[in-house]
Amino acid sequence: GYKQIVIMLAGSPKSIFSSTEDKRFFYTINGIYLFAALFSVFVGTLFKNRISKTFLKPIYAIQKNTKYIEEGSYNKVSDVGTNTIELNDLSLTINNMAMKLEQQENIRKRMTADISHELRTPLATLNSHIEAFLDGVWEPTPERLVIIQNEITRLTKLIKDLSDLSSLENEGASFENKQINLSVLFSNIIESFEPLFHSEEITLKKSIKDNIFVLGDADRLNQIFINIISNALKYTNKGGQVSVVMDEDKEHIQIKVMDNGIGISKEDLPYVFERFYRGDKSRSRETGGKGIGLTITKALVEAHHGTIKISSEQELGTTVEIQFDRFNA
């Protein structure tokens, strides 16, 4: 008989394109790869531009603003428009900082000029009098010596005020911390001012709650209230009115001193606590101030852990509000 032998050969074709199906699969898969690559490039470019617009451009603009601040060119700082909340907040913070730095720079320049004036005027008076005595033009009479003494006193007080302010701001001032009947202390100050108000034909009204106590330094508190009330007297015209109110609630003591005097302009109001700052001419050194009283007052109030704020309208009057923590025995 015969045997049937089947021979099977296994192997691979010489080319992958040996059949139509193989070619179609190859082109299809490579087409998919190419499309995916092109799509990825397109999406990447799109996102790059969007990210650049959303994040990088505002960051570069903010960086530019900080460079202007570093150079002191505050007027070149511009708003940065962005929809990103964090970057927008950062931009606003930097712009506000630039505005405040510019304000401080202007105040510093003005303060330098004012200090020069405060020192120059009494020194010039002293120099002119001494020269006149030396040249024999004037006799050193008691009256003229009193003028010299007054100018020296003025300089001494100015230097003392600056020294006190520096000590207060550096938390180096010594304070007594005693229980004080603020109602009695405030009432005594108001009574001491009543003859001055009467002579200036200004009505002084008071409403002071009894037995309000605070922890603090009596001398420093006296200085606070004297400064505030003397300012109200100084800047209220004849026939005007000043009202003082002291009250308390469960947590705080509130003191208000209100006048219907010349007031403070909107432009000057933000700077009233700055050293040597003076606004319009009606609130100038001719009224006897040195432009440092409110600065010291604010420092003293804050040293007692209190707050002070001033609201005012020009020609309508000014209100000073002071608040201290209530003392509970």
C-alpha atoms as a PDB file:
ATOM      1  CA  GLY A   1       0.000   0.000   0.000  1.00  0.00           C
ATOM      2  CA  TYR A   2       0.831   3.568  -0.250  1.00  0.00           C
ATOM      3  CA  LYS A   3       1.377   6.108   2.596  1.00  0.00           C
ATOM      4  CA  GLN A   4       0.228   9.712   2.091  1.00  0.00           C
ATOM      5  CA  ILE A   5       2.701  12.157   3.484  1.00  0.00           C
ATOM      6  CA  VAL A   6       1.644  15.793   4.110  1.00  0.00           C
ATOM      7  CA  ILE A   7       4.446  18.291   4.207  1.00  0.00           C
ATOM      8  CA  MET A   8       3.714  21.725   5.894  1.00  0.00           C
ATOM      9  CA  LEU A   9       6.187  24.552   5.565  1.00  0.00           C
ATOM     10  CA  ALA A  10       6.016  27.295   8.283  1.00  0.00           C
ATOM     11  CA  GLY A  11       7.674  30.649   7.753  1.00  0.00           C
ATOM     12  CA  SER A  12       7.100  34.311   7.022  1.00  0.00           C
ATOM     13  CA  PRO A  13       6.760  36.071   3.714  1.00  0.00           C
ATOM     14  CA  LYS A  14       9.647  38.141   2.503  1.00  0.00           C
ATOM     15  CA  SER A  15       7.535  41.346   2.768  1.00  0.00           C
ATOM     16  CA  ILE A  16       4.764  42.485   5.103  1.00  0.00           C
ATOM     17  CA  PHE A  17       2.988  43.828   2.089  1.00  0.00           C
ATOM     18  CA  SER A  18       2.559  40.442   0.606  1.00  0.00           C
ATOM     19  CA  SER A  19      -1.216  40.722   1.029  1.00  0.00           C
ATOM     20  CA  THR A  20      -3.742  43.524   0.603  1.00  0.00           C
ATOM     21  CA  GLU A  21      -5.037  43.106   4.153  1.00  0.00           C
ATOM     22  CA  ASP A  22      -1.548  43.585   5.592  1.00  0.00           C
ATOM     23  CA  LYS A  23      -1.048  46.767   3.635  1.00  0.00           C
ATOM     24  CA  ARG A  24      -4.417  48.144   4.698  1.00  0.00           C
ATOM     25  CA  PHE A  25      -3.686  47.437   8.395  1.00  0.00           C
ATOM     26  CA  PHE A  26      -0.233  49.038   8.183  1.00  0.00           C
ATOM     27  CA  TYR A  27      -1.498  52.230   6.579  1.00  0.00           C
ATOM     28  CA  THR A  28      -4.423  52.421   8.971  1.00  0.00           C
ATOM     29  CA  ILE A  29      -2.354  52.101  12.158  1.00  0.00           C
ATOM     30  CA  ASN A  30       0.299  54.530  10.956  1.00  0.00           C
ATOM     31  CA  GLY A  31      -2.383  56.964   9.907  1.00  0.00           C
ATOM     32  CA  ILE A  32      -3.792  56.808  13.412  1.00  0.00           C
ATOM     33  CA  TYR A  33      -0.334  57.446  14.888  1.00  0.00           C
ATOM     34  CA  LEU A  34       0.225  60.408  12.574  1.00  0.00           C
ATOM     35  CA  PHE A  35      -3.177  61.888  13.351  1.00  0.00           C
ATOM     36  CA  ALA A  36      -2.567  61.462  17.088  1.00  0.00           C
ATOM     37  CA  ALA A  37       0.813  63.169  16.792  1.00  0.00           C
ATOM     38  CA  LEU A  38      -0.602  66.105  14.804  1.00  0.00           C
ATOM     39  CA  PHE A  39      -3.548  66.398  17.188  1.00  0.00           C
ATOM     40  CA  SER A  40      -1.190  66.402  20.194  1.00  0.00           C
ATOM     41  CA  VAL A  41       0.919  69.165  18.635  1.00  0.00           C
ATOM     42  CA  PHE A  42      -2.217  71.211  17.909  1.00  0.00           C
ATOM     43  CA  VAL A  43      -3.638  70.746  21.412  1.00  0.00           C
ATOM     44  CA  GLY A  44      -0.228  71.456  22.982  1.00  0.00           C
ATOM     45  CA  THR A  45       0.140  74.694  20.999  1.00  0.00           C
ATOM     46  CA  LEU A  46      -3.416  75.724  21.896  1.00  0.00           C
ATOM     47  CA  PHE A  47      -2.859  75.080  25.594  1.00  0.00           C
ATOM     48  CA  LYS A  48       0.533  76.753  25.494  1.00  0.00           C
ATOM     49  CA  ASN A  49      -0.985  79.963  24.133  1.00  0.00           C
ATOM     50  CA  ARG A  50      -3.865  79.791  26.603  1.00  0.00           C
ATOM     51  CA  ILE A  51      -1.578  79.139  29.571  1.00  0.00           C
ATOM     52  CA  SER A  52       0.720  81.909  28.368  1.00  0.00           C
ATOM     53  CA  LYS A  53      -2.198  84.322  28.158  1.00  0.00           C
ATOM     54  CA  THR A  54      -3.749  83.192  31.431  1.00  0.00           C
ATOM     55  CA  PHE A  55      -0.672  82.840  33.614  1.00  0.00           C
ATOM     56  CA  LEU A  56       2.607  83.909  32.056  1.00  0.00           C
ATOM     57  CA  LYS A  57       1.631  87.326  30.666  1.00  0.00           C
ATOM     58  CA  PRO A  58       0.089  88.516  33.986  1.00  0.00           C
ATOM     59  CA  ILE A  59       3.113  87.148  35.859  1.00  0.00           C
ATOM     60  CA  TYR A  60       5.470  89.057  33.541  1.00  0.00           C
ATOM     61  CA  ALA A  61       3.350  92.206  33.982  1.00  0.00           C
ATOM     62  CA  ILE A  62       3.404  91.804  37.786  1.00  0.00           C
ATOM     63  CA  GLN A  63       7.156  91.254  37.646  1.00  0.00           C
ATOM     64  CA  LYS A  64       7.460  94.481  35.638  1.00  0.00           C
ATOM     65  CA  ASN A  65       5.437  96.348  38.258  1.00  0.00           C
ATOM     66  CA  THR A  66       7.699  95.079  41.046  1.00  0.00           C
ATOM     67  CA  LYS A  67      10.676  96.306  39.050  1.00  0.00           C
ATOM     68  CA  TYR A  68       9.110  99.774  38.856  1.00  0.00           C
ATOM     69  CA  ILE A  69       8.571  99.701  42.636  1.00  0.00           C
ATOM     70  CA  GLU A  70      12.194  98.686  43.156  1.00  0.00           C
ATOM     71  CA  GLU A  71      13.282 101.664  41.034  1.00  0.00           C
ATOM     72  CA  GLY A  72      10.923 104.030  42.871  1.00  0.00           C
ATOM     73  CA  SER A  73       8.896 104.702  39.695  1.00  0.00           C
ATOM     74  CA  TYR A  74       5.534 104.272  41.429  1.00  0.00           C
ATOM     75  CA  ASN A  75       3.627 106.236  38.783  1.00  0.00           C
ATOM     76  CA  LYS A  76       4.547 103.613  36.150  1.00  0.00           C
ATOM     77  CA  VAL A  77       2.852 100.778  38.037  1.00  0.00           C
ATOM     78  CA  SER A  78      -0.222  99.722  36.048  1.00  0.00           C
ATOM     79  CA  ASP A  79      -3.215  97.474  36.626  1.00  0.00           C
ATOM     80  CA  VAL A  80      -2.838  93.875  35.480  1.00  0.00           C
ATOM     81  CA  GLY A  81      -5.990  92.373  34.008  1.00  0.00           C
ATOM     82  CA  THR A  82      -6.402  88.670  34.692  1.00  0.00           C
ATOM     83  CA  ASN A  83      -9.251  86.274  35.379  1.00  0.00           C
ATOM     84  CA  THR A  84      -7.093  84.170  37.679  1.00  0.00           C
ATOM     85  CA  ILE A  85      -8.233  85.041  41.196  1.00  0.00           C
ATOM     86  CA  GLU A  86      -4.854  84.425  42.853  1.00  0.00           C
ATOM     87  CA  LEU A  87      -2.924  86.501  40.303  1.00  0.00           C
ATOM     88  CA  ASN A  88      -5.538  89.245  40.434  1.00  0.00           C
ATOM     89  CA  ASP A  89      -5.260  89.398  44.245  1.00  0.00           C
ATOM     90  CA  LEU A  90      -1.466  89.492  43.982  1.00  0.00           C
ATOM     91  CA  SER A  91      -1.633  92.300  41.445  1.00  0.00           C
ATOM     92  CA  LEU A  92      -4.021  94.356  43.589  1.00  0.00           C
ATOM     93  CA  THR A  93      -1.797  93.844  46.633  1.00  0.00           C
ATOM     94  CA  ILE A  94       1.284  95.024  44.735  1.00  0.00           C
ATOM     95  CA  ASN A  95      -0.573  98.038  43.326  1.00  0.00           C
ATOM     96  CA  ASN A  96      -1.819  98.997  46.795  1.00  0.00           C
ATOM     97  CA  MET A  97       1.703  98.609  48.151  1.00  0.00           C
ATOM     98  CA  ALA A  98       3.011 100.881  45.389  1.00  0.00           C
ATOM     99  CA  MET A  99       0.366 103.488  46.211  1.00  0.00           C
ATOM    100  CA  LYS A 100       1.211 103.410  49.916  1.00  0.00           C
ATOM    101  CA  LEU A 101       4.939 103.561  49.247  1.00  0.00           C
ATOM    102  CA  GLU A 102       4.378 106.580  47.018  1.00  0.00           C
ATOM    103  CA  GLN A 103       2.293 108.223  49.742  1.00  0.00           C
ATOM    104  CA  GLN A 104       5.007 107.516  52.316  1.00  0.00           C
ATOM    105  CA  GLU A 105       7.651 108.911  49.991  1.00  0.00           C
ATOM    106  CA  ASN A 106       5.653 112.119  49.533  1.00  0.00           C
ATOM    107  CA  ILE A 107       5.072 112.355  53.283  1.00  0.00           C
ATOM    108  CA  ARG A 108       8.781 111.827  53.940  1.00  0.00           C
ATOM    109  CA  LYS A 109       9.703 114.649  51.578  1.00  0.00           C
ATOM    110  CA  ARG A 110       7.073 116.924  53.088  1.00  0.00           C
ATOM    111  CA  MET A 111       8.116 115.968  56.609  1.00  0.00           C
ATOM    112  CA  THR A 112      11.745 116.821  55.849  1.00  0.00           C
ATOM    113  CA  ALA A 113      10.698 120.246  54.617  1.00  0.00           C
ATOM    114  CA  ASP A 114       8.438 120.814  57.629  1.00  0.00           C
ATOM    115  CA  ILE A 115      11.085 119.741  60.143  1.00  0.00           C
ATOM    116  CA  SER A 116      13.514 122.119  58.463  1.00  0.00           C
ATOM    117  CA  HIS A 117      10.970 124.910  58.819  1.00  0.00           C
ATOM    118  CA  GLU A 118      10.183 124.059  62.433  1.00  0.00           C
ATOM    119  CA  LEU A 119      13.875 124.208  63.322  1.00  0.00           C
ATOM    120  CA  ARG A 120      14.842 127.082  61.046  1.00  0.00           C
ATOM    121  CA  THR A 121      12.278 129.587  62.337  1.00  0.00           C
ATOM    122  CA  PRO A 122      13.237 129.545  66.053  1.00  0.00           C
ATOM    123  CA  LEU A 123      16.946 129.270  65.224  1.00  0.00           C
ATOM    124  CA  ALA A 124      16.694 132.273  62.917  1.00  0.00           C
ATOM    125  CA  THR A 125      14.927 134.227  65.672  1.00  0.00           C
ATOM    126  CA  LEU A 126      17.605 133.291  68.192  1.00  0.00           C
ATOM    127  CA  ASN A 127      20.395 134.156  65.776  1.00  0.00           C
ATOM    128  CA  SER A 128      18.933 137.546  64.868  1.00  0.00           C
ATOM    129  CA  HIS A 129      18.468 138.528  68.519  1.00  0.00           C
ATOM    130  CA  ILE A 130      21.961 137.425  69.535  1.00  0.00           C
ATOM    131  CA  GLU A 131      23.502 139.265  66.560  1.00  0.00           C
ATOM    132  CA  ALA A 132      21.585 142.397  67.531  1.00  0.00           C
ATOM    133  CA  PHE A 133      22.882 142.108  71.116  1.00  0.00           C
ATOM    134  CA  LEU A 134      26.458 141.552  69.935  1.00  0.00           C
ATOM    135  CA  ASP A 135      26.318 144.472  67.481  1.00  0.00           C
ATOM    136  CA  GLY A 136      24.899 146.738  70.167  1.00  0.00           C
ATOM    137  CA  VAL A 137      21.721 147.385  68.159  1.00  0.00           C
ATOM    138  CA  TRP A 138      19.554 146.055  70.991  1.00  0.00           C
ATOM    139  CA  GLU A 139      19.948 145.979  74.695  1.00  0.00           C
ATOM    140  CA  PRO A 140      19.375 142.540  76.257  1.00  0.00           C
ATOM    141  CA  THR A 141      16.231 143.618  78.078  1.00  0.00           C
ATOM    142  CA  PRO A 142      14.128 141.123  80.050  1.00  0.00           C
ATOM    143  CA  GLU A 143      11.400 141.313  77.392  1.00  0.00           C
ATOM    144  CA  ARG A 144      13.787 140.360  74.586  1.00  0.00           C
ATOM    145  CA  LEU A 145      15.385 137.645  76.672  1.00  0.00           C
ATOM    146  CA  VAL A 146      11.908 136.196  77.246  1.00  0.00           C
ATOM    147  CA  ILE A 147      11.491 135.932  73.441  1.00  0.00           C
ATOM    148  CA  ILE A 148      14.753 133.978  73.247  1.00  0.00           C
ATOM    149  CA  GLN A 149      13.666 131.766  76.124  1.00  0.00           C
ATOM    150  CA  ASN A 150      10.325 131.049  74.420  1.00  0.00           C
ATOM    151  CA  GLU A 151      12.068 129.973  71.220  1.00  0.00           C
ATOM    152  CA  ILE A 152      14.413 127.699  73.166  1.00  0.00           C
ATOM    153  CA  THR A 153      11.403 126.237  74.995  1.00  0.00           C
ATOM    154  CA  ARG A 154       9.692 125.657  71.656  1.00  0.00           C
ATOM    155  CA  LEU A 155      12.727 123.795  70.300  1.00  0.00           C
ATOM    156  CA  THR A 156      13.082 121.775  73.479  1.00  0.00           C
ATOM    157  CA  LYS A 157       9.415 120.725  73.405  1.00  0.00           C
ATOM    158  CA  LEU A 158       9.655 119.749  69.747  1.00  0.00           C
ATOM    159  CA  ILE A 159      12.679 117.560  70.421  1.00  0.00           C
ATOM    160  CA  LYS A 160      10.958 116.038  73.467  1.00  0.00           C
ATOM    161  CA  ASP A 161       7.836 115.270  71.419  1.00  0.00           C
ATOM    162  CA  LEU A 162       9.919 113.554  68.755  1.00  0.00           C
ATOM    163  CA  SER A 163      11.776 111.591  71.416  1.00  0.00           C
ATOM    164  CA  ASP A 164       8.500 110.547  73.083  1.00  0.00           C
ATOM    165  CA  LEU A 165       7.032 109.503  69.754  1.00  0.00           C
ATOM    166  CA  SER A 166      10.085 107.429  68.893  1.00  0.00           C
ATOM    167  CA  SER A 167       9.919 105.759  72.306  1.00  0.00           C
ATOM    168  CA  LEU A 168       6.203 105.014  71.932  1.00  0.00           C
ATOM    169  CA  GLU A 169       6.521 103.573  68.447  1.00  0.00           C
ATOM    170  CA  ASN A 170       9.432 101.385  69.514  1.00  0.00           C
ATOM    171  CA  GLU A 171       7.471 100.154  72.547  1.00  0.00           C
ATOM    172  CA  GLY A 172      10.159 101.470  74.819  1.00  0.00           C
ATOM    173  CA  ALA A 173       8.063 103.894  76.832  1.00  0.00           C
ATOM    174  CA  SER A 174       7.335 103.127  80.461  1.00  0.00           C
ATOM    175  CA  PHE A 175       3.657 103.006  81.434  1.00  0.00           C
ATOM    176  CA  GLU A 176       1.834 102.638  84.661  1.00  0.00           C
ATOM    177  CA  ASN A 177      -0.970 100.134  84.402  1.00  0.00           C
ATOM    178  CA  LYS A 178      -3.477 101.080  87.077  1.00  0.00           C
ATOM    179  CA  GLN A 179      -7.212 101.020  87.423  1.00  0.00           C
ATOM    180  CA  ILE A 180      -8.404 104.523  86.520  1.00  0.00           C
ATOM    181  CA  ASN A 181     -11.828 106.098  86.779  1.00  0.00           C
ATOM    182  CA  LEU A 182     -11.916 107.443  83.235  1.00  0.00           C
ATOM    183  CA  SER A 183     -15.176 109.308  83.872  1.00  0.00           C
ATOM    184  CA  VAL A 184     -13.572 111.440  86.601  1.00  0.00           C
ATOM    185  CA  LEU A 185     -10.357 111.973  84.643  1.00  0.00           C
ATOM    186  CA  PHE A 186     -12.214 113.077  81.497  1.00  0.00           C
ATOM    187  CA  SER A 187     -14.617 115.313  83.425  1.00  0.00           C
ATOM    188  CA  ASN A 188     -11.713 117.101  85.133  1.00  0.00           C
ATOM    189  CA  ILE A 189     -10.061 117.791  81.777  1.00  0.00           C
ATOM    190  CA  ILE A 190     -13.286 119.178  80.329  1.00  0.00           C
ATOM    191  CA  GLU A 191     -13.776 121.436  83.355  1.00  0.00           C
ATOM    192  CA  SER A 192     -10.252 122.808  82.919  1.00  0.00           C
ATOM    193  CA  PHE A 193     -11.112 123.694  79.307  1.00  0.00           C
ATOM    194  CA  GLU A 194     -14.452 125.372  80.056  1.00  0.00           C
ATOM    195  CA  PRO A 195     -12.996 128.892  80.636  1.00  0.00           C
ATOM    196  CA  LEU A 196     -11.127 128.682  77.308  1.00  0.00           C
ATOM    197  CA  PHE A 197     -14.294 127.647  75.465  1.00  0.00           C
ATOM    198  CA  HIS A 198     -16.206 130.442  77.177  1.00  0.00           C
ATOM    199  CA  SER A 199     -13.611 133.055  76.195  1.00  0.00           C
ATOM    200  CA  GLU A 200     -13.741 131.862  72.579  1.00  0.00           C
ATOM    201  CA  GLU A 201     -17.571 131.925  72.652  1.00  0.00           C
ATOM    202  CA  ILE A 202     -17.770 128.229  71.776  1.00  0.00           C
ATOM    203  CA  THR A 203     -20.421 126.016  73.364  1.00  0.00           C
ATOM    204  CA  LEU A 204     -19.069 122.934  75.128  1.00  0.00           C
ATOM    205  CA  LYS A 205     -21.526 120.114  75.727  1.00  0.00           C
ATOM    206  CA  LYS A 206     -20.732 116.909  77.575  1.00  0.00           C
ATOM    207  CA  SER A 207     -22.369 113.569  78.230  1.00  0.00           C
ATOM    208  CA  ILE A 208     -20.194 111.341  80.386  1.00  0.00           C
ATOM    209  CA  LYS A 209     -21.376 108.094  81.919  1.00  0.00           C
ATOM    210  CA  ASP A 210     -20.340 107.698  85.551  1.00  0.00           C
ATOM    211  CA  ASN A 211     -17.866 105.151  86.876  1.00  0.00           C
ATOM    212  CA  ILE A 212     -16.245 103.976  83.669  1.00  0.00           C
ATOM    213  CA  PHE A 213     -12.943 102.300  84.528  1.00  0.00           C
ATOM    214  CA  VAL A 214      -9.924 101.463  82.400  1.00  0.00           C
ATOM    215  CA  LEU A 215      -6.455 100.037  82.942  1.00  0.00           C
ATOM    216  CA  GLY A 216      -3.809 102.536  81.950  1.00  0.00           C
ATOM    217  CA  ASP A 217      -1.495 105.423  82.676  1.00  0.00           C
ATOM    218  CA  ALA A 218      -3.324 108.508  83.968  1.00  0.00           C
ATOM    219  CA  ASP A 219      -0.745 111.001  82.649  1.00  0.00           C
ATOM    220  CA  ARG A 220      -0.763 109.463  79.185  1.00  0.00           C
ATOM    221  CA  LEU A 221      -4.563 109.337  79.087  1.00  0.00           C
ATOM    222  CA  ASN A 222      -4.630 112.991  80.130  1.00  0.00           C
ATOM    223  CA  GLN A 223      -2.344 113.769  77.208  1.00  0.00           C
ATOM    224  CA  ILE A 224      -4.663 111.962  74.786  1.00  0.00           C
ATOM    225  CA  PHE A 225      -7.779 113.857  75.846  1.00  0.00           C
ATOM    226  CA  ILE A 226      -6.047 117.225  76.121  1.00  0.00           C
ATOM    227  CA  ASN A 227      -4.727 116.874  72.566  1.00  0.00           C
ATOM    228  CA  ILE A 228      -8.140 115.936  71.171  1.00  0.00           C
ATOM    229  CA  ILE A 229     -10.131 118.626  73.002  1.00  0.00           C
ATOM    230  CA  SER A 230      -7.555 121.359  72.340  1.00  0.00           C
ATOM    231  CA  ASN A 231      -7.732 120.521  68.615  1.00  0.00           C
ATOM    232  CA  ALA A 232     -11.529 120.780  68.687  1.00  0.00           C
ATOM    233  CA  LEU A 233     -11.221 124.184  70.391  1.00  0.00           C
ATOM    234  CA  LYS A 234      -8.488 125.360  68.036  1.00  0.00           C
ATOM    235  CA  TYR A 235     -10.347 124.536  64.820  1.00  0.00           C
ATOM    236  CA  THR A 236     -13.867 125.612  65.813  1.00  0.00           C
ATOM    237  CA  ASN A 237     -14.908 129.160  65.023  1.00  0.00           C
ATOM    238  CA  LYS A 238     -16.634 131.537  67.433  1.00  0.00           C
ATOM    239  CA  GLY A 239     -20.270 130.635  67.924  1.00  0.00           C
ATOM    240  CA  GLY A 240     -19.515 126.986  67.185  1.00  0.00           C
ATOM    241  CA  GLN A 241     -20.111 123.923  69.312  1.00  0.00           C
ATOM    242  CA  VAL A 242     -18.045 121.022  70.633  1.00  0.00           C
ATOM    243  CA  SER A 243     -19.684 117.914  72.109  1.00  0.00           C
ATOM    244  CA  VAL A 244     -17.911 115.229  74.119  1.00  0.00           C
ATOM    245  CA  VAL A 245     -19.483 111.857  74.843  1.00  0.00           C
ATOM    246  CA  MET A 246     -18.215 108.927  76.900  1.00  0.00           C
ATOM    247  CA  ASP A 247     -20.115 105.673  77.138  1.00  0.00           C
ATOM    248  CA  GLU A 248     -19.520 101.933  77.367  1.00  0.00           C
ATOM    249  CA  ASP A 249     -21.048  98.622  76.396  1.00  0.00           C
ATOM    250  CA  LYS A 250     -20.257  95.091  77.545  1.00  0.00           C
ATOM    251  CA  GLU A 251     -16.849  95.027  75.835  1.00  0.00           C
ATOM    252  CA  HIS A 252     -15.688  98.549  74.983  1.00  0.00           C
ATOM    253  CA  ILE A 253     -15.447 102.147  76.140  1.00  0.00           C
ATOM    254  CA  GLN A 254     -16.302 104.733  73.489  1.00  0.00           C
ATOM    255  CA  ILE A 255     -15.215 108.374  73.560  1.00  0.00           C
ATOM    256  CA  LYS A 256     -16.367 110.860  70.923  1.00  0.00           C
ATOM    257  CA  VAL A 257     -15.313 114.477  70.506  1.00  0.00           C
ATOM    258  CA  MET A 258     -17.432 116.213  67.855  1.00  0.00           C
ATOM    259  CA  ASP A 259     -17.138 119.782  66.574  1.00  0.00           C
ATOM    260  CA  ASN A 260     -18.754 121.840  63.813  1.00  0.00           C
ATOM    261  CA  GLY A 261     -15.523 123.635  62.960  1.00  0.00           C
ATOM    262  CA  ILE A 262     -13.520 124.065  59.779  1.00  0.00           C
ATOM    263  CA  GLY A 263     -13.149 120.327  59.184  1.00  0.00           C
ATOM    264  CA  ILE A 264     -10.532 118.497  57.152  1.00  0.00           C
ATOM    265  CA  SER A 265     -10.509 118.049  53.378  1.00  0.00           C
ATOM    266  CA  LYS A 266     -10.870 114.580  51.813  1.00  0.00           C
ATOM    267  CA  GLU A 267      -7.363 114.914  50.393  1.00  0.00           C
ATOM    268  CA  ASP A 268      -5.801 115.569  53.803  1.00  0.00           C
ATOM    269  CA  LEU A 269      -7.901 113.195  55.940  1.00  0.00           C
ATOM    270  CA  PRO A 270      -5.836 110.024  55.242  1.00  0.00           C
ATOM    271  CA  TYR A 271      -2.675 111.755  56.485  1.00  0.00           C
ATOM    272  CA  VAL A 272      -3.821 113.411  59.717  1.00  0.00           C
ATOM    273  CA  PHE A 273      -1.826 110.997  61.884  1.00  0.00           C
ATOM    274  CA  GLU A 274       1.417 111.506  59.948  1.00  0.00           C
ATOM    275  CA  ARG A 275       4.268 113.463  61.537  1.00  0.00           C
ATOM    276  CA  PHE A 276       4.299 117.178  60.740  1.00  0.00           C
ATOM    277  CA  TYR A 277       1.485 116.789  58.240  1.00  0.00           C
ATOM    278  CA  ARG A 278      -0.626 119.886  57.702  1.00  0.00           C
ATOM    279  CA  GLY A 279      -3.413 120.303  55.225  1.00  0.00           C
ATOM    280  CA  ASP A 280      -4.852 123.607  54.190  1.00  0.00           C
ATOM    281  CA  LYS A 281      -3.537 126.882  55.524  1.00  0.00           C
ATOM    282  CA  SER A 282      -6.290 127.233  58.120  1.00  0.00           C
ATOM    283  CA  ARG A 283      -4.811 124.210  59.924  1.00  0.00           C
ATOM    284  CA  SER A 284      -1.253 125.532  59.728  1.00  0.00           C
ATOM    285  CA  ARG A 285       1.398 126.224  62.341  1.00  0.00           C
ATOM    286  CA  GLU A 286      -0.109 129.680  62.809  1.00  0.00           C
ATOM    287  CA  THR A 287      -2.670 128.011  65.070  1.00  0.00           C
ATOM    288  CA  GLY A 288       0.222 127.056  67.306  1.00  0.00           C
ATOM    289  CA  GLY A 289       0.603 123.369  66.428  1.00  0.00           C
ATOM    290  CA  LYS A 290       3.663 121.491  65.268  1.00  0.00           C
ATOM    291  CA  GLY A 291       1.857 118.864  63.208  1.00  0.00           C
ATOM    292  CA  ILE A 292       2.831 116.084  65.608  1.00  0.00           C
ATOM    293  CA  GLY A 293       0.070 116.139  68.241  1.00  0.00           C
ATOM    294  CA  LEU A 294      -2.230 113.631  66.538  1.00  0.00           C
ATOM    295  CA  THR A 295       0.712 111.354  65.755  1.00  0.00           C
ATOM    296  CA  ILE A 296       1.550 111.171  69.461  1.00  0.00           C
ATOM    297  CA  THR A 297      -2.126 110.809  70.363  1.00  0.00           C
ATOM    298  CA  LYS A 298      -2.519 107.804  68.061  1.00  0.00           C
ATOM    299  CA  ALA A 299       0.634 106.198  69.466  1.00  0.00           C
ATOM    300  CA  LEU A 300      -0.629 106.712  73.032  1.00  0.00           C
ATOM    301  CA  VAL A 301      -4.061 105.264  72.237  1.00  0.00           C
ATOM    302  CA  GLU A 302      -2.510 102.197  70.615  1.00  0.00           C
ATOM    303  CA  ALA A 303      -0.133 101.806  73.559  1.00  0.00           C
ATOM    304  CA  HIS A 304      -3.309 101.399  75.661  1.00  0.00           C
ATOM    305  CA  HIS A 305      -4.520  98.748  73.170  1.00  0.00           C
ATOM    306  CA  GLY A 306      -7.156 101.150  71.865  1.00  0.00           C
ATOM    307  CA  THR A 307      -8.143 102.494  68.470  1.00  0.00           C
ATOM    308  CA  ILE A 308      -8.659 106.025  67.177  1.00  0.00           C
ATOM    309  CA  LYS A 309     -10.284 107.213  63.974  1.00  0.00           C
ATOM    310  CA  ILE A 310     -11.215 110.597  62.568  1.00  0.00           C
ATOM    311  CA  SER A 311     -14.082 111.441  60.237  1.00  0.00           C
ATOM    312  CA  SER A 312     -14.513 114.919  58.862  1.00  0.00           C
ATOM    313  CA  GLU A 313     -16.033 117.121  56.179  1.00  0.00           C
ATOM    314  CA  GLN A 314     -14.563 120.458  55.262  1.00  0.00           C
ATOM    315  CA  GLU A 315     -16.508 123.404  56.729  1.00  0.00           C
ATOM    316  CA  LEU A 316     -18.893 120.990  58.489  1.00  0.00           C
ATOM    317  CA  GLY A 317     -16.812 119.651  61.338  1.00  0.00           C
ATOM    318  CA  THR A 318     -14.763 116.773  62.672  1.00  0.00           C
ATOM    319  CA  THR A 319     -15.492 113.735  64.836  1.00  0.00           C
ATOM    320  CA  VAL A 320     -12.775 111.903  66.735  1.00  0.00           C
ATOM    321  CA  GLU A 321     -13.685 108.437  68.024  1.00  0.00           C
ATOM    322  CA  ILE A 322     -11.546 106.585  70.548  1.00  0.00           C
ATOM    323  CA  GLN A 323     -12.241 103.076  71.789  1.00  0.00           C
ATOM    324  CA  PHE A 324     -10.659 101.178  74.681  1.00  0.00           C
ATOM    325  CA  ASP A 325     -11.277  97.721  76.062  1.00  0.00           C
ATOM    326  CA  ARG A 326     -13.660  97.788  79.022  1.00  0.00           C
ATOM    327  CA  PHE A 327     -12.106  97.029  82.397  1.00  0.00           C
ATOM    328  CA  ASN A 328     -13.899  94.423  84.444  1.00  0.00           C
ATOM    329  CA  ALA A 329     -12.811  94.348  88.087  1.00  0.00           C
END
